[in-house]
């Protein structure tokens, strides 16, 4: 039997991803800026309607599609505190080690590799063709953009955005609320609340 989902944020990539996973059915989308329908999926309300939606869709699970790390955290707690649960959406075309640990609300897109002893935190999103190597940690509410490579023992904190085509070398720690620019090569630890970019990243 398929699980019913509600998406928070209209995102055609995530809709197509879910359509390729046989175990889910999308009931609708919660979006503050759209009405009607979005690529055939109805807009059923906005964030202000969340308590009413909980009454009507108490059996449904939530998927937060957004990339904004801080907004994801805010929405997670808003929906969590009124009783919604969160689904993991994992592409059948991703490889996930049986020794990896994935928390709730995680999105893993096509072509992703998740190595052994990797941990992925609540509501993090791993975009297409990212490669998260062994013994790595991705914190809560992170967004890992396409084609990112994190090598062994990399630790990424909470609310971190890693830009497309970035490479993070072994044993590097990325602090909470930090951003790595697209194409960066990160060779040293990054403190909390810091943006780095370039080769090597500074």
Protein backbone atom coordinates (compact mmCIF):
# COMPACT_ATOMS: atom_id res chain seq x y z
CA UNK A 1 0.00 0.00 0.00
CA UNK A 2 1.34 3.42 -0.96
CA UNK A 3 2.08 6.07 1.66
CA UNK A 4 0.36 9.43 1.19
CA UNK A 5 2.63 12.46 1.04
CA UNK A 6 2.26 16.21 1.27
CA UNK A 7 5.05 18.31 -0.21
CA UNK A 8 6.09 21.55 1.46
CA UNK A 9 7.22 23.69 -1.47
CA UNK A 10 6.42 23.21 -5.16
CA UNK A 11 9.42 21.51 -6.79
CA UNK A 12 9.05 19.64 -10.08
CA UNK A 13 12.31 17.74 -9.57
CA UNK A 14 11.05 16.27 -6.31
CA UNK A 15 7.64 15.49 -7.80
CA UNK A 16 9.32 13.54 -10.59
CA UNK A 17 11.60 11.82 -8.09
CA UNK A 18 8.61 10.69 -6.01
CA UNK A 19 6.73 9.54 -9.10
CA UNK A 20 9.64 7.19 -9.75
CA UNK A 21 9.32 5.62 -6.29
CA UNK A 22 6.44 3.12 -6.29
CA UNK A 23 5.67 3.36 -2.59
CA UNK A 24 4.35 6.96 -2.47
CA UNK A 25 1.29 8.94 -3.55
CA UNK A 26 1.37 12.77 -3.55
CA UNK A 27 -1.84 14.22 -2.10
CA UNK A 28 -0.92 17.85 -2.62
CA UNK A 29 1.50 20.72 -2.10
CA UNK A 30 1.71 23.39 0.59
CA UNK A 31 3.12 26.55 -0.95
CA UNK A 32 2.87 30.21 0.07
CA UNK A 33 3.19 31.60 -3.46
CA UNK A 34 1.09 29.33 -5.70
CA UNK A 35 -2.53 28.30 -6.07
CA UNK A 36 -4.46 25.95 -8.30
CA UNK A 37 -2.19 23.11 -9.31
CA UNK A 38 1.48 22.61 -10.08
CA UNK A 39 2.32 20.14 -12.85
CA UNK A 40 -0.89 18.29 -12.13
CA UNK A 41 -0.49 18.27 -8.33
CA UNK A 42 -3.00 20.39 -6.37
CA UNK A 43 -1.91 23.24 -4.11
CA UNK A 44 -3.84 22.45 -0.92
CA UNK A 45 -2.83 25.40 1.23
CA UNK A 46 -0.05 27.55 2.65
CA UNK A 47 1.92 27.53 5.90
CA UNK A 48 -0.89 29.43 7.65
CA UNK A 49 -3.22 26.48 6.99
CA UNK A 50 -1.00 23.88 8.64
CA UNK A 51 -3.24 23.13 11.65
CA UNK A 52 -6.32 22.71 9.47
CA UNK A 53 -4.36 20.55 7.03
CA UNK A 54 -3.23 18.34 9.90
CA UNK A 55 -6.90 17.61 10.71
CA UNK A 56 -7.73 16.71 7.11
CA UNK A 57 -4.52 14.81 6.32
CA UNK A 58 -3.54 13.30 9.66
CA UNK A 59 -2.36 10.07 8.01
CA UNK A 60 -0.08 11.79 5.49
CA UNK A 61 3.67 12.27 5.85
CA UNK A 62 5.57 15.47 4.99
CA UNK A 63 8.43 16.10 2.58
CA UNK A 64 10.16 19.50 2.73
CA UNK A 65 11.54 20.17 -0.75
CA UNK A 66 13.32 23.48 -0.11
CA UNK A 67 17.07 24.10 -0.35
CA UNK A 68 17.22 27.02 2.12
CA UNK A 69 18.73 25.35 5.18
CA UNK A 70 17.39 27.71 7.85
CA UNK A 71 13.90 27.76 6.36
CA UNK A 72 13.91 23.95 6.29
CA UNK A 73 14.63 23.89 10.01
CA UNK A 74 11.86 26.38 10.77
CA UNK A 75 9.34 24.43 8.70
CA UNK A 76 10.41 21.11 10.20
CA UNK A 77 9.67 22.24 13.74
CA UNK A 78 6.43 23.94 12.70
CA UNK A 79 5.10 20.73 11.16
CA UNK A 80 6.68 18.41 13.72
CA UNK A 81 5.12 20.26 16.65
CA UNK A 82 1.58 19.69 15.38
CA UNK A 83 2.15 15.99 14.86
CA UNK A 84 3.22 15.40 11.25
CA UNK A 85 5.76 12.71 10.46
CA UNK A 86 8.40 12.99 7.75
CA UNK A 87 9.10 10.61 4.87
CA UNK A 88 12.46 9.76 3.36
CA UNK A 89 12.50 10.00 -0.44
CA UNK A 90 15.33 7.93 -1.92
CA UNK A 91 15.79 7.43 -5.64
CA UNK A 92 15.90 3.82 -6.80
CA UNK A 93 18.89 4.97 -8.86
CA UNK A 94 20.92 5.93 -5.77
CA UNK A 95 23.33 3.60 -4.00
CA UNK A 96 22.97 3.55 -0.23
CA UNK A 97 25.33 1.37 1.80
CA UNK A 98 23.55 -1.00 4.14
CA UNK A 99 25.84 0.38 6.85
CA UNK A 100 24.68 3.99 6.38
CA UNK A 101 22.29 5.67 8.82
CA UNK A 102 19.64 8.03 7.46
CA UNK A 103 17.37 10.12 9.68
CA UNK A 104 13.82 11.30 8.88
CA UNK A 105 12.78 13.67 6.10
CA UNK A 106 15.88 13.07 3.97
CA UNK A 107 15.80 13.43 0.17
CA UNK A 108 18.36 11.51 -1.90
CA UNK A 109 18.23 12.04 -5.65
CA UNK A 110 19.35 10.07 -8.71
CA UNK A 111 22.93 8.89 -9.03
CA UNK A 112 23.92 9.62 -5.44
CA UNK A 113 26.43 7.36 -3.68
CA UNK A 114 26.21 7.04 0.11
CA UNK A 115 29.13 5.04 1.44
CA UNK A 116 29.41 2.81 4.50
CA UNK A 117 29.21 4.33 8.00
CA UNK A 118 27.80 7.60 6.66
CA UNK A 119 25.22 9.40 8.82
CA UNK A 120 22.71 11.83 7.31
CA UNK A 121 20.68 14.11 9.59
CA UNK A 122 17.06 15.24 9.63
CA UNK A 123 15.65 16.84 6.46
CA UNK A 124 18.94 17.01 4.59
CA UNK A 125 18.83 16.92 0.80
CA UNK A 126 21.47 15.19 -1.30
CA UNK A 127 21.24 16.30 -4.92
CA UNK A 128 22.01 14.35 -8.10
CA UNK A 129 25.36 12.56 -8.45
CA UNK A 130 26.74 13.64 -5.09
CA UNK A 131 29.27 11.19 -3.66
CA UNK A 132 29.36 10.95 0.14
CA UNK A 133 32.26 8.66 0.98
CA UNK A 134 32.76 6.38 3.98
CA UNK A 135 32.59 7.47 7.63
CA UNK A 136 31.11 10.86 6.75
CA UNK A 137 28.52 12.89 8.62
CA UNK A 138 25.96 15.21 7.04
CA UNK A 139 24.19 17.19 9.75
CA UNK A 140 20.56 18.27 10.03
CA UNK A 141 18.84 20.52 7.46
CA UNK A 142 21.77 20.52 5.04
CA UNK A 143 21.64 20.89 1.28
CA UNK A 144 24.30 19.11 -0.75
CA UNK A 145 24.19 20.39 -4.35
CA UNK A 146 24.78 18.28 -7.50
CA UNK A 147 28.13 16.53 -8.06
CA UNK A 148 29.55 17.29 -4.62
CA UNK A 149 32.25 14.90 -3.39
CA UNK A 150 32.98 14.48 0.31
CA UNK A 151 35.89 12.13 0.92
CA UNK A 152 36.39 9.87 3.94
CA UNK A 153 35.70 11.06 7.49
CA UNK A 154 34.30 14.44 6.45
CA UNK A 155 31.98 15.96 9.05
CA UNK A 156 29.42 18.55 7.93
CA UNK A 157 27.51 20.40 10.64
CA UNK A 158 23.86 21.49 10.74
CA UNK A 159 22.24 23.99 8.33
CA UNK A 160 25.14 23.81 5.87
CA UNK A 161 24.91 24.46 2.12
CA UNK A 162 27.55 22.80 -0.07
CA UNK A 163 27.66 24.25 -3.60
CA UNK A 164 27.68 22.22 -6.82
CA UNK A 165 30.89 20.43 -7.91
CA UNK A 166 32.62 21.09 -4.57
CA UNK A 167 35.15 18.65 -3.17
CA UNK A 168 35.82 18.29 0.55
CA UNK A 169 39.03 16.48 1.43
CA UNK A 170 39.35 13.75 4.07
CA UNK A 171 38.87 14.56 7.78
CA UNK A 172 37.70 18.14 7.09
CA UNK A 173 35.02 19.55 9.41
CA UNK A 174 32.49 22.09 8.08
CA UNK A 175 30.94 24.11 10.93
CA UNK A 176 27.25 24.79 11.50
CA UNK A 177 25.46 27.40 9.35
CA UNK A 178 28.33 27.58 6.87
CA UNK A 179 28.35 27.73 3.07
CA UNK A 180 30.81 26.23 0.59
CA UNK A 181 30.77 27.94 -2.80
CA UNK A 182 30.29 26.05 -6.05
CA UNK A 183 33.44 24.37 -7.37
CA UNK A 184 35.41 24.88 -4.16
CA UNK A 185 38.08 22.47 -2.96
CA UNK A 186 38.01 22.49 0.83
CA UNK A 187 41.32 21.41 2.36
CA UNK A 188 40.96 22.79 5.91
CA UNK A 189 38.29 22.95 8.59
CA UNK A 190 35.63 25.65 8.17
CA UNK A 191 34.38 27.43 11.34
CA UNK A 192 30.69 27.92 12.14
CA UNK A 193 28.86 30.71 10.28
CA UNK A 194 31.50 30.99 7.56
CA UNK A 195 31.38 31.13 3.75
CA UNK A 196 34.33 29.75 1.79
CA UNK A 197 34.99 29.50 -1.95
CA UNK A 198 37.80 28.92 -4.44
CA UNK A 199 40.61 26.43 -4.96
CA UNK A 200 41.78 25.92 -2.31
CA UNK A 201 38.72 27.29 -0.47
CA UNK A 202 39.27 30.43 1.60
